[in-house]
N, C-alpha and C. Protein backbone atom coordinates (compact mmCIF):
# COMPACT_ATOMS: atom_id res chain seq x y z
N MET A 1 0.77 -1.41 0.18
CA MET A 1 0.07 0.16 -0.28
C MET A 1 0.66 1.15 -0.11
N ASN A 2 0.74 2.32 -1.31
CA ASN A 2 1.71 3.35 -1.08
C ASN A 2 0.95 4.19 0.00
N SER A 3 1.60 4.90 0.52
CA SER A 3 1.39 6.16 1.29
C SER A 3 1.54 7.72 0.81
N GLU A 4 0.78 8.30 0.98
CA GLU A 4 0.50 9.19 0.15
C GLU A 4 1.91 10.44 0.75
N GLN A 5 2.43 10.95 -0.23
CA GLN A 5 3.45 11.83 0.28
C GLN A 5 3.06 13.40 0.66
N LYS A 6 3.10 13.56 2.12
CA LYS A 6 2.61 14.72 2.67
C LYS A 6 3.57 15.62 2.54
N ILE A 7 2.55 16.85 2.01
CA ILE A 7 3.10 18.25 1.55
C ILE A 7 3.06 19.42 2.78
N THR A 8 4.53 19.32 2.64
CA THR A 8 4.98 20.33 4.22
C THR A 8 5.07 22.03 3.38
N LEU A 9 4.04 22.79 4.15
CA LEU A 9 4.25 23.99 3.82
C LEU A 9 5.32 24.79 4.27
N PRO A 10 5.92 25.47 2.93
CA PRO A 10 6.74 26.62 3.47
C PRO A 10 6.83 27.59 4.59
N HIS A 11 7.66 28.25 5.50
CA HIS A 11 7.17 29.34 6.23
C HIS A 11 7.12 30.31 5.52
N ILE A 12 5.90 30.91 5.85
CA ILE A 12 5.35 32.51 5.05
C ILE A 12 5.90 33.18 5.84
N ILE A 13 6.01 34.47 5.00
CA ILE A 13 6.28 35.62 5.69
C ILE A 13 5.34 36.43 4.87
N LEU A 14 4.00 37.09 5.58
CA LEU A 14 3.09 37.64 5.21
C LEU A 14 3.38 39.44 5.36
N ALA A 15 3.24 39.47 4.36
CA ALA A 15 3.60 41.13 4.05
C ALA A 15 2.17 41.90 4.11
N SER A 16 1.31 41.66 5.44
CA SER A 16 0.47 42.46 5.66
C SER A 16 0.16 42.34 7.12
N ALA A 17 -0.46 43.23 7.43
CA ALA A 17 -0.95 43.52 9.13
C ALA A 17 -2.71 42.81 9.30
N SER A 18 -3.39 42.22 8.53
CA SER A 18 -4.31 41.70 8.39
C SER A 18 -4.34 40.68 9.48
N PRO A 19 -5.41 40.75 10.29
CA PRO A 19 -5.60 39.19 11.13
C PRO A 19 -5.89 38.40 10.79
N ARG A 20 -6.95 38.89 9.80
CA ARG A 20 -7.95 37.74 8.95
C ARG A 20 -7.32 36.98 7.93
N ARG A 21 -6.13 37.63 7.55
CA ARG A 21 -5.46 36.78 6.34
C ARG A 21 -4.47 35.84 7.55
N LYS A 22 -4.01 36.35 8.45
CA LYS A 22 -2.69 35.73 9.11
C LYS A 22 -3.92 34.32 10.04
N ASP A 23 -5.06 34.66 10.39
CA ASP A 23 -5.90 33.53 11.16
C ASP A 23 -5.96 32.27 9.92
N LEU A 24 -6.56 32.71 8.74
CA LEU A 24 -6.75 31.94 7.47
C LEU A 24 -5.64 30.99 7.11
N LEU A 25 -4.36 31.98 7.52
CA LEU A 25 -2.97 30.65 7.07
C LEU A 25 -2.97 30.06 7.80
N THR A 26 -3.08 30.34 9.17
CA THR A 26 -2.85 29.64 10.22
C THR A 26 -3.64 28.36 10.35
N GLN A 27 -4.82 28.32 9.72
CA GLN A 27 -6.29 27.43 9.49
C GLN A 27 -5.51 26.43 8.87
N ILE A 28 -4.81 26.65 7.78
CA ILE A 28 -4.15 25.80 6.94
C ILE A 28 -2.95 25.02 7.40
N GLY A 29 -2.39 25.25 8.50
CA GLY A 29 -1.31 24.80 9.27
C GLY A 29 -0.14 25.34 8.87
N ALA A 30 -0.21 26.77 8.30
CA ALA A 30 1.21 27.09 7.55
C ALA A 30 1.85 27.94 9.27
N SER A 31 3.02 28.04 8.89
CA SER A 31 4.17 28.75 10.19
C SER A 31 4.04 29.71 9.37
N LEU A 32 3.96 31.32 10.43
CA LEU A 32 4.65 32.40 9.35
C LEU A 32 5.00 33.02 10.52
N SER A 33 5.47 34.09 9.92
CA SER A 33 6.17 35.66 10.41
C SER A 33 5.30 36.78 9.68
N VAL A 34 4.77 37.64 10.40
CA VAL A 34 4.16 38.95 10.22
C VAL A 34 5.34 40.09 9.77
N MET A 35 5.34 40.60 8.87
CA MET A 35 5.97 41.75 8.44
C MET A 35 5.26 42.77 7.25
N PRO A 36 4.69 43.87 7.91
CA PRO A 36 3.84 44.61 7.23
C PRO A 36 4.36 45.46 5.84
N ALA A 37 3.83 44.90 4.68
CA ALA A 37 4.85 46.21 3.83
C ALA A 37 4.52 47.63 3.65
N ASP A 38 5.72 48.52 3.89
CA ASP A 38 5.00 49.90 3.81
C ASP A 38 5.68 50.27 2.49
N VAL A 39 4.56 50.40 1.19
CA VAL A 39 4.44 50.93 0.44
C VAL A 39 3.31 51.94 -0.09
N ASP A 40 3.58 52.64 -0.95
CA ASP A 40 2.69 53.38 -1.99
C ASP A 40 1.50 52.41 -2.58
N GLU A 41 0.39 52.94 -1.95
CA GLU A 41 -0.88 51.54 -2.56
C GLU A 41 -1.75 52.73 -3.36
N SER A 42 -1.22 53.93 -4.21
CA SER A 42 -2.05 54.65 -4.96
C SER A 42 -1.52 54.16 -6.52
N LEU A 43 -2.43 53.23 -7.48
CA LEU A 43 -1.88 52.97 -8.60
C LEU A 43 -3.21 53.84 -9.64
N THR A 44 -3.10 53.79 -10.82
CA THR A 44 -3.89 54.27 -11.85
C THR A 44 -4.61 53.58 -12.66
N GLU A 45 -4.52 52.13 -12.10
CA GLU A 45 -5.17 50.75 -12.76
C GLU A 45 -6.73 51.17 -12.20
N THR A 46 -7.34 51.46 -13.21
CA THR A 46 -8.73 50.88 -13.09
C THR A 46 -9.88 49.83 -13.37
N ASP A 47 -9.01 48.53 -13.83
CA ASP A 47 -9.45 47.10 -13.92
C ASP A 47 -9.00 46.76 -12.45
N PRO A 48 -10.04 46.14 -11.73
CA PRO A 48 -10.06 45.80 -10.43
C PRO A 48 -9.18 44.61 -10.55
N GLU A 49 -9.07 43.47 -11.16
CA GLU A 49 -8.26 42.50 -10.92
C GLU A 49 -6.61 42.97 -11.24
N ALA A 50 -6.15 43.96 -12.25
CA ALA A 50 -5.12 44.37 -12.78
C ALA A 50 -4.77 44.82 -11.15
N LEU A 51 -5.68 45.59 -10.48
CA LEU A 51 -5.04 46.69 -9.34
C LEU A 51 -5.10 45.51 -8.30
N VAL A 52 -5.41 44.48 -8.25
CA VAL A 52 -5.14 43.99 -6.86
C VAL A 52 -3.65 42.94 -7.83
N LYS A 53 -3.57 42.47 -8.79
CA LYS A 53 -2.43 41.72 -8.83
C LYS A 53 -1.20 42.73 -8.48
N ALA A 54 -1.39 44.24 -9.11
CA ALA A 54 -0.41 44.99 -8.99
C ALA A 54 -0.12 45.34 -7.34
N LEU A 55 -1.15 45.30 -7.02
CA LEU A 55 -0.85 45.70 -5.27
C LEU A 55 -0.05 44.54 -4.58
N SER A 56 -0.64 43.27 -4.49
CA SER A 56 0.20 42.11 -4.19
C SER A 56 1.25 42.04 -4.44
N TYR A 57 1.80 42.33 -5.84
CA TYR A 57 3.11 42.40 -6.19
C TYR A 57 4.06 43.29 -5.52
N ARG A 58 3.41 44.62 -5.75
CA ARG A 58 4.16 45.79 -4.91
C ARG A 58 4.64 45.22 -4.07
N LYS A 59 3.36 44.90 -2.76
CA LYS A 59 3.84 44.55 -1.24
C LYS A 59 4.97 43.19 -0.92
N ALA A 60 4.71 42.12 -1.78
CA ALA A 60 5.43 41.15 -1.80
C ALA A 60 6.67 41.50 -1.92
N HIS A 61 7.20 42.13 -3.09
CA HIS A 61 8.35 42.82 -3.70
C HIS A 61 9.29 43.62 -2.62
N ALA A 62 8.28 44.47 -2.02
CA ALA A 62 9.19 45.42 -1.22
C ALA A 62 9.69 44.46 0.41
N VAL A 63 9.17 43.57 0.41
CA VAL A 63 9.02 42.90 1.85
C VAL A 63 10.37 42.34 1.24
N PHE A 64 10.20 41.29 0.08
CA PHE A 64 11.39 40.37 -0.20
C PHE A 64 12.41 40.93 -0.59
N SER A 65 12.39 42.18 -1.14
CA SER A 65 13.46 43.27 -1.61
C SER A 65 14.40 43.17 0.13
N GLY A 66 13.71 43.58 1.01
CA GLY A 66 14.03 44.52 2.00
C GLY A 66 14.65 43.21 3.10
N ILE A 67 14.07 42.09 3.18
CA ILE A 67 14.56 41.07 3.40
C ILE A 67 15.93 40.17 3.34
N THR A 68 15.76 40.28 1.76
CA THR A 68 17.12 39.82 0.79
C THR A 68 18.44 40.64 0.84
N LYS A 69 18.23 42.17 0.88
CA LYS A 69 19.40 42.85 1.06
C LYS A 69 19.91 42.77 2.32
N GLU A 70 19.15 42.21 3.44
CA GLU A 70 19.76 42.29 4.98
C GLU A 70 19.99 41.04 4.94
N GLY A 71 20.22 39.85 3.99
CA GLY A 71 20.29 38.57 4.27
C GLY A 71 19.82 37.60 5.18
N LYS A 72 18.44 37.75 5.38
CA LYS A 72 17.39 37.65 6.50
C LYS A 72 16.21 36.00 5.44
N ILE A 73 16.63 36.61 4.34
CA ILE A 73 15.61 35.36 3.64
C ILE A 73 16.13 34.08 4.02
N LYS A 74 15.36 33.25 4.53
CA LYS A 74 16.29 31.63 4.38
C LYS A 74 15.38 30.98 3.70
N LYS A 75 16.37 29.64 3.28
CA LYS A 75 15.97 28.83 2.30
C LYS A 75 14.47 28.19 2.60
N GLY A 76 13.44 28.05 1.62
CA GLY A 76 12.35 27.28 2.06
C GLY A 76 10.92 28.43 2.55
N ASP A 77 11.87 29.70 2.81
CA ASP A 77 10.95 31.20 3.03
C ASP A 77 9.97 31.52 1.32
N VAL A 78 8.53 31.82 1.55
CA VAL A 78 7.96 32.27 0.76
C VAL A 78 6.96 33.53 1.28
N VAL A 79 7.82 34.97 0.42
CA VAL A 79 6.75 35.97 1.16
C VAL A 79 5.17 35.81 0.22
N LEU A 80 4.64 36.37 0.93
CA LEU A 80 3.22 36.76 0.57
C LEU A 80 2.72 37.78 0.70
N GLY A 81 2.12 38.39 -0.28
CA GLY A 81 1.49 39.78 -0.73
C GLY A 81 0.31 39.37 -0.90
N ALA A 82 -0.91 39.99 -0.50
CA ALA A 82 -2.18 40.37 -0.89
C ALA A 82 -2.85 41.86 -0.84
N ASP A 83 -3.74 41.81 -1.37
CA ASP A 83 -4.87 43.16 -1.30
C ASP A 83 -6.08 42.72 -1.80
N THR A 84 -7.07 43.14 -1.19
CA THR A 84 -8.26 42.73 -1.75
C THR A 84 -9.30 44.06 -2.15
N VAL A 85 -10.01 44.24 -3.03
CA VAL A 85 -11.26 45.24 -3.21
C VAL A 85 -12.29 44.33 -3.68
N VAL A 86 -13.49 45.69 -3.39
CA VAL A 86 -14.85 45.54 -4.04
C VAL A 86 -14.93 45.86 -5.27
N ALA A 87 -15.93 45.16 -5.83
CA ALA A 87 -15.93 46.09 -7.35
C ALA A 87 -17.58 46.25 -7.31
N LEU A 88 -18.20 47.04 -7.73
CA LEU A 88 -19.22 46.94 -8.07
C LEU A 88 -19.79 47.73 -9.20
N ASP A 89 -20.15 47.23 -10.24
CA ASP A 89 -20.14 46.92 -11.67
C ASP A 89 -18.57 47.77 -12.32
N ASP A 90 -18.50 48.96 -12.22
CA ASP A 90 -16.86 49.53 -12.78
C ASP A 90 -16.58 50.28 -11.79
N GLU A 91 -16.93 50.33 -10.53
CA GLU A 91 -16.54 51.14 -9.49
C GLU A 91 -15.86 50.33 -8.62
N ILE A 92 -14.32 50.55 -8.35
CA ILE A 92 -13.74 49.87 -7.39
C ILE A 92 -14.02 50.54 -6.12
N LEU A 93 -14.52 49.62 -5.10
CA LEU A 93 -14.79 50.21 -3.35
C LEU A 93 -13.67 49.60 -2.79
N GLY A 94 -12.57 50.62 -2.37
CA GLY A 94 -11.80 50.29 -1.10
C GLY A 94 -12.23 50.61 0.49
N LYS A 95 -11.39 51.14 1.18
CA LYS A 95 -12.14 51.36 2.42
C LYS A 95 -12.64 52.82 2.63
N PRO A 96 -13.62 52.75 3.37
CA PRO A 96 -14.67 54.11 3.23
C PRO A 96 -13.62 54.76 4.25
N LYS A 97 -13.73 56.47 3.83
CA LYS A 97 -13.17 57.39 4.43
C LYS A 97 -13.72 57.61 5.79
N ASP A 98 -15.14 57.99 5.62
CA ASP A 98 -15.87 58.05 6.99
C ASP A 98 -17.56 57.51 6.97
N GLU A 99 -18.22 57.72 7.82
CA GLU A 99 -19.41 56.92 8.05
C GLU A 99 -20.33 57.61 6.59
N ALA A 100 -20.57 58.66 5.91
CA ALA A 100 -21.17 58.49 5.22
C ALA A 100 -20.68 57.89 3.63
N ASP A 101 -19.36 58.14 3.83
CA ASP A 101 -18.67 57.12 2.58
C ASP A 101 -19.03 55.44 2.64
N ALA A 102 -19.43 55.00 3.86
CA ALA A 102 -19.35 53.81 4.36
C ALA A 102 -20.97 53.47 3.84
N PHE A 103 -22.02 54.34 4.33
CA PHE A 103 -23.12 54.34 4.06
C PHE A 103 -23.65 54.18 2.48
N ARG A 104 -22.75 55.00 1.76
CA ARG A 104 -22.81 54.91 0.31
C ARG A 104 -22.37 53.81 -0.08
N MET A 105 -21.74 53.04 0.02
CA MET A 105 -21.07 51.85 -0.21
C MET A 105 -22.40 50.81 -0.26
N ILE A 106 -22.15 50.68 1.18
CA ILE A 106 -23.44 49.89 1.44
C ILE A 106 -24.46 49.74 0.64
N ASP A 107 -25.34 50.80 0.77
CA ASP A 107 -26.36 51.27 -0.10
C ASP A 107 -26.52 50.97 -1.66
N ALA A 108 -25.40 51.19 -1.80
CA ALA A 108 -25.15 50.53 -3.88
C ALA A 108 -25.20 49.13 -3.77
N MET A 109 -24.58 48.51 -2.88
CA MET A 109 -24.74 47.31 -3.01
C MET A 109 -25.94 46.55 -2.34
N GLN A 110 -26.61 46.71 -1.47
CA GLN A 110 -27.60 46.01 -0.71
C GLN A 110 -28.73 45.54 -2.08
N GLY A 111 -29.29 44.66 -1.95
CA GLY A 111 -29.86 43.67 -2.48
C GLY A 111 -29.80 43.61 -4.05
N GLY A 112 -28.33 43.73 -4.07
CA GLY A 112 -27.70 43.30 -5.39
C GLY A 112 -26.47 42.39 -5.48
N HIS A 113 -25.48 42.35 -6.42
CA HIS A 113 -24.72 41.47 -6.28
C HIS A 113 -23.45 42.85 -6.55
N HIS A 114 -22.14 41.92 -5.95
CA HIS A 114 -20.87 43.03 -6.59
C HIS A 114 -19.83 41.71 -6.58
N ARG A 115 -18.45 42.01 -6.51
CA ARG A 115 -17.34 41.15 -6.47
C ARG A 115 -16.44 41.49 -5.61
N VAL A 116 -15.93 40.35 -5.22
CA VAL A 116 -14.98 40.76 -4.44
C VAL A 116 -13.55 39.80 -4.92
N LEU A 117 -12.60 40.86 -4.74
CA LEU A 117 -11.43 40.60 -5.64
C LEU A 117 -10.24 40.42 -5.01
N THR A 118 -9.23 39.32 -4.71
CA THR A 118 -7.76 39.22 -3.94
C THR A 118 -6.90 39.13 -5.06
N GLY A 119 -5.90 39.95 -5.10
CA GLY A 119 -4.82 39.32 -5.62
C GLY A 119 -3.81 38.92 -4.60
N VAL A 120 -2.70 37.84 -5.12
CA VAL A 120 -1.89 37.63 -4.40
C VAL A 120 -0.48 37.20 -5.04
N THR A 121 0.22 37.26 -4.43
CA THR A 121 1.67 37.27 -4.97
C THR A 121 2.59 36.41 -3.89
N LEU A 122 3.33 35.43 -4.51
CA LEU A 122 4.14 34.71 -3.53
C LEU A 122 5.48 34.69 -4.22
N ILE A 123 6.81 34.91 -3.42
CA ILE A 123 8.29 34.94 -3.96
C ILE A 123 9.03 34.07 -3.17
N ALA A 124 9.33 33.12 -3.69
CA ALA A 124 9.92 32.33 -2.89
C ALA A 124 11.80 32.58 -2.65
N ASP A 125 12.21 31.83 -1.70
CA ASP A 125 13.49 32.39 -1.78
C ASP A 125 14.10 32.67 -3.05
N ASP A 126 14.18 31.50 -4.00
CA ASP A 126 14.80 32.01 -5.01
C ASP A 126 14.56 33.34 -6.02
N GLY A 127 13.55 33.73 -5.30
CA GLY A 127 13.17 34.70 -6.28
C GLY A 127 11.92 34.25 -7.05
N LYS A 128 11.70 33.05 -7.61
CA LYS A 128 10.35 32.58 -8.14
C LYS A 128 9.40 33.25 -8.15
N THR A 129 8.43 33.74 -8.64
CA THR A 129 6.97 34.41 -8.36
C THR A 129 5.67 33.92 -9.08
N VAL A 130 4.68 34.05 -8.28
CA VAL A 130 3.61 33.88 -8.76
C VAL A 130 2.57 34.41 -8.74
N THR A 131 1.82 34.81 -9.45
CA THR A 131 0.59 36.15 -9.03
C THR A 131 -0.55 35.86 -9.83
N PHE A 132 -1.75 36.07 -8.97
CA PHE A 132 -3.01 35.56 -9.60
C PHE A 132 -3.79 36.45 -8.61
N ALA A 133 -5.33 36.23 -9.29
CA ALA A 133 -6.25 37.21 -8.64
C ALA A 133 -7.77 36.27 -8.65
N GLU A 134 -8.22 36.51 -7.48
CA GLU A 134 -9.23 35.31 -7.17
C GLU A 134 -10.62 36.57 -7.05
N SER A 135 -11.51 35.95 -7.90
CA SER A 135 -12.99 36.42 -7.95
C SER A 135 -14.01 35.68 -7.55
N THR A 136 -14.52 36.74 -6.39
CA THR A 136 -15.78 35.94 -5.81
C THR A 136 -17.03 37.12 -5.83
N GLU A 137 -18.30 36.09 -6.27
CA GLU A 137 -19.33 37.24 -6.31
C GLU A 137 -20.55 37.03 -5.19
N VAL A 138 -20.77 38.15 -4.41
CA VAL A 138 -21.39 38.25 -3.03
C VAL A 138 -22.95 38.68 -3.44
N HIS A 139 -24.02 38.10 -2.85
CA HIS A 139 -25.33 38.78 -3.72
C HIS A 139 -25.89 38.90 -1.87
N LEU A 140 -26.59 40.24 -1.85
CA LEU A 140 -26.96 41.17 -0.45
C LEU A 140 -28.45 40.90 -0.59
N TYR A 141 -29.01 40.43 0.43
CA TYR A 141 -30.39 40.74 0.89
C TYR A 141 -30.71 42.11 0.68
N PRO A 142 -31.44 42.68 0.61
CA PRO A 142 -32.41 44.11 0.73
C PRO A 142 -32.07 44.50 2.28
N MET A 143 -31.71 46.11 2.27
CA MET A 143 -31.19 46.50 3.68
C MET A 143 -32.03 47.76 3.36
N SER A 144 -32.71 48.15 4.65
CA SER A 144 -33.65 49.56 5.23
C SER A 144 -32.50 50.46 5.41
N LYS A 145 -32.82 51.59 5.54
CA LYS A 145 -32.02 53.07 5.90
C LYS A 145 -31.69 52.70 7.18
N ALA A 146 -32.38 52.20 8.10
CA ALA A 146 -32.33 51.87 9.41
C ALA A 146 -31.43 50.55 9.70
N GLU A 147 -31.08 49.81 8.68
CA GLU A 147 -30.16 48.95 8.60
C GLU A 147 -29.14 49.35 8.30
N ILE A 148 -28.69 49.63 7.38
CA ILE A 148 -27.42 50.46 6.76
C ILE A 148 -26.74 51.30 8.10
N GLU A 149 -27.60 52.05 8.48
CA GLU A 149 -27.00 53.19 9.69
C GLU A 149 -26.71 52.17 10.67
N GLY A 150 -27.21 51.50 11.17
CA GLY A 150 -27.26 50.62 12.61
C GLY A 150 -25.70 49.89 12.35
N TYR A 151 -25.35 49.30 10.90
CA TYR A 151 -24.31 48.14 10.89
C TYR A 151 -23.44 49.21 10.68
N VAL A 152 -23.42 50.59 10.18
CA VAL A 152 -22.04 51.76 9.72
C VAL A 152 -22.18 52.54 11.37
N SER A 153 -23.19 52.65 12.04
CA SER A 153 -22.78 53.26 13.26
C SER A 153 -21.87 52.41 14.54
N SER A 154 -21.83 50.91 14.26
CA SER A 154 -21.48 49.90 14.83
C SER A 154 -20.05 49.83 14.64
N GLY A 155 -19.28 50.73 13.63
CA GLY A 155 -17.62 50.64 13.68
C GLY A 155 -17.45 49.75 13.05
N GLU A 156 -18.17 48.43 12.77
CA GLU A 156 -18.07 47.37 11.93
C GLU A 156 -17.45 47.63 10.83
N ALA A 157 -18.07 48.83 10.01
CA ALA A 157 -17.54 49.09 7.86
C ALA A 157 -16.12 49.58 7.96
N PHE A 158 -15.37 50.09 9.17
CA PHE A 158 -14.00 50.52 8.32
C PHE A 158 -13.15 49.83 8.71
N GLY A 159 -12.36 50.23 7.75
CA GLY A 159 -10.86 49.28 7.88
C GLY A 159 -11.31 48.07 7.02
N LYS A 160 -12.29 48.03 6.07
CA LYS A 160 -12.57 47.16 5.36
C LYS A 160 -12.80 47.50 3.99
N ALA A 161 -12.57 46.84 2.67
CA ALA A 161 -12.80 47.16 1.41
C ALA A 161 -14.58 47.04 1.29
N GLY A 162 -15.16 47.78 0.75
CA GLY A 162 -16.50 48.17 0.69
C GLY A 162 -17.27 48.21 1.62
N ALA A 163 -16.68 48.67 2.87
CA ALA A 163 -17.18 48.91 4.30
C ALA A 163 -17.84 47.37 4.93
N TYR A 164 -17.14 46.17 4.38
CA TYR A 164 -18.16 45.25 5.33
C TYR A 164 -17.02 44.15 5.57
N GLY A 165 -17.34 43.08 6.67
CA GLY A 165 -16.30 42.01 6.81
C GLY A 165 -17.65 40.78 6.84
N ILE A 166 -17.14 40.18 6.18
CA ILE A 166 -18.54 38.81 6.10
C ILE A 166 -18.42 38.12 6.95
N GLN A 167 -17.72 37.85 7.89
CA GLN A 167 -17.43 36.97 9.16
C GLN A 167 -18.07 37.54 10.24
N GLY A 168 -18.05 39.09 10.03
CA GLY A 168 -19.16 39.74 11.37
C GLY A 168 -20.16 39.87 11.19
N PRO A 169 -21.08 41.05 12.08
CA PRO A 169 -22.27 41.18 12.05
C PRO A 169 -22.81 40.96 10.49
N PHE A 170 -22.29 41.55 9.32
CA PHE A 170 -22.91 41.86 8.30
C PHE A 170 -23.05 40.34 7.52
N ALA A 171 -22.61 39.15 8.08
CA ALA A 171 -23.26 37.95 7.77
C ALA A 171 -24.56 37.76 7.66
N ALA A 172 -25.46 38.56 8.46
CA ALA A 172 -26.94 38.85 8.66
C ALA A 172 -27.14 39.23 6.84
N PHE A 173 -26.89 39.97 6.14
CA PHE A 173 -27.12 40.35 4.81
C PHE A 173 -26.83 39.65 3.55
N VAL A 174 -26.02 38.79 3.70
CA VAL A 174 -25.37 37.79 2.87
C VAL A 174 -26.41 36.65 2.54
N LYS A 175 -26.99 36.94 1.14
CA LYS A 175 -27.41 36.20 0.86
C LYS A 175 -26.86 34.72 0.01
N LYS A 176 -25.93 35.01 -0.64
CA LYS A 176 -25.05 33.95 -1.54
C LYS A 176 -24.04 34.25 -2.06
N VAL A 177 -22.82 33.24 -2.20
CA VAL A 177 -21.97 33.26 -2.43
C VAL A 177 -21.23 32.45 -3.28
N ASN A 178 -20.97 32.99 -4.80
CA ASN A 178 -20.53 32.28 -5.70
C ASN A 178 -18.79 32.25 -5.45
N GLY A 179 -18.66 31.33 -5.02
CA GLY A 179 -16.83 31.46 -5.82
C GLY A 179 -16.52 31.33 -3.59
N SER A 180 -15.37 31.28 -3.86
CA SER A 180 -14.59 31.24 -2.58
C SER A 180 -15.17 32.19 -1.59
N TYR A 181 -15.34 31.49 -0.20
CA TYR A 181 -15.76 32.13 0.73
C TYR A 181 -14.91 32.83 1.35
N THR A 182 -13.50 32.02 1.70
CA THR A 182 -12.08 32.86 2.48
C THR A 182 -11.80 33.92 1.32
N ASN A 183 -12.08 33.99 0.27
CA ASN A 183 -11.64 35.20 -0.38
C ASN A 183 -12.20 36.39 -0.03
N VAL A 184 -13.65 36.27 0.42
CA VAL A 184 -14.27 37.45 0.83
C VAL A 184 -13.62 37.97 2.05
N VAL A 185 -13.06 36.91 2.74
CA VAL A 185 -12.63 37.22 4.12
C VAL A 185 -11.49 37.76 4.16
N GLY A 186 -10.77 37.33 3.05
CA GLY A 186 -9.50 38.21 2.75
C GLY A 186 -8.11 37.42 2.07
N LEU A 187 -8.34 36.27 1.94
CA LEU A 187 -7.21 35.62 1.20
C LEU A 187 -8.31 33.72 0.81
N PRO A 188 -8.27 33.97 -0.38
CA PRO A 188 -8.45 32.30 -0.90
C PRO A 188 -7.29 31.60 -0.63
N VAL A 189 -7.60 30.96 0.59
CA VAL A 189 -6.58 30.21 1.34
C VAL A 189 -6.55 28.72 0.28
N GLY A 190 -7.65 28.20 -0.30
CA GLY A 190 -7.36 27.10 -1.00
C GLY A 190 -6.49 27.46 -2.27
N ARG A 191 -6.86 28.34 -3.14
CA ARG A 191 -5.72 28.24 -4.15
C ARG A 191 -4.66 28.50 -3.78
N VAL A 192 -4.04 29.73 -2.26
CA VAL A 192 -2.94 29.72 -1.95
C VAL A 192 -2.03 28.61 -1.88
N TYR A 193 -2.77 27.60 -1.30
CA TYR A 193 -1.85 26.39 -0.81
C TYR A 193 -2.02 25.51 -2.00
N GLN A 194 -2.85 25.57 -3.18
CA GLN A 194 -2.13 25.00 -4.43
C GLN A 194 -1.25 25.57 -5.15
N ALA A 195 -0.67 27.10 -5.10
CA ALA A 195 0.19 27.94 -5.67
C ALA A 195 1.51 27.11 -4.83
N LEU A 196 1.37 27.34 -3.65
CA LEU A 196 2.47 26.91 -2.96
C LEU A 196 3.02 25.79 -2.94
N LYS A 197 2.18 24.91 -3.45
CA LYS A 197 2.76 23.19 -3.99
C LYS A 197 3.47 23.32 -5.18
N GLN A 198 2.78 24.33 -6.34
CA GLN A 198 3.46 24.71 -7.56
C GLN A 198 5.00 25.29 -7.18
N LEU A 199 4.81 26.37 -6.61
CA LEU A 199 5.91 26.77 -6.38
C LEU A 199 7.29 26.29 -5.39
N THR A 200 6.63 25.51 -4.51
CA THR A 200 7.92 24.51 -3.64
C THR A 200 8.02 23.50 -4.21
N HIS A 201 7.82 22.85 -4.67
CA HIS A 201 7.66 21.41 -5.33
C HIS A 201 7.66 20.91 -6.85
């Protein structure tokens, strides 16, 4: 009887301060270090997929370059950069600036559907790089003005692309998810796992 070869995940250096991404990687058994990238996130890209791929690459490359120059990259390390946006038709929704902006975003999305896109870049210790974008369609139930105001005033809308987090109280308004649920949380870990196998084996 042949035993299957066990896949050992590499040590991941996460170029993001997102606790959600850290939790998702920990769930699949990854050992990781957190080293948030300090990069300019302003880009002229108007296509959501191109934008998240470019930002994920910029973050991963900044951290990879820094630790390589300092001689701190170890054999088997993989730097992971990621960025997530919400796209409603042709509009890219980032993190809301204030309560009015958060209300506008949620009101525009309620009762309909939008896309959540996450760009991921993985850079192995030898410089080999994989970049991809994952897209998930999210359908929301209709929301009253009072429901939107209640959600926004709770503070839950801030620091999140599209002004919501699917794993918190906003889950009450999510009707259906077509695609990767973890992508909406912040990182498509199934696809990341497959890419890590491709990169390191």
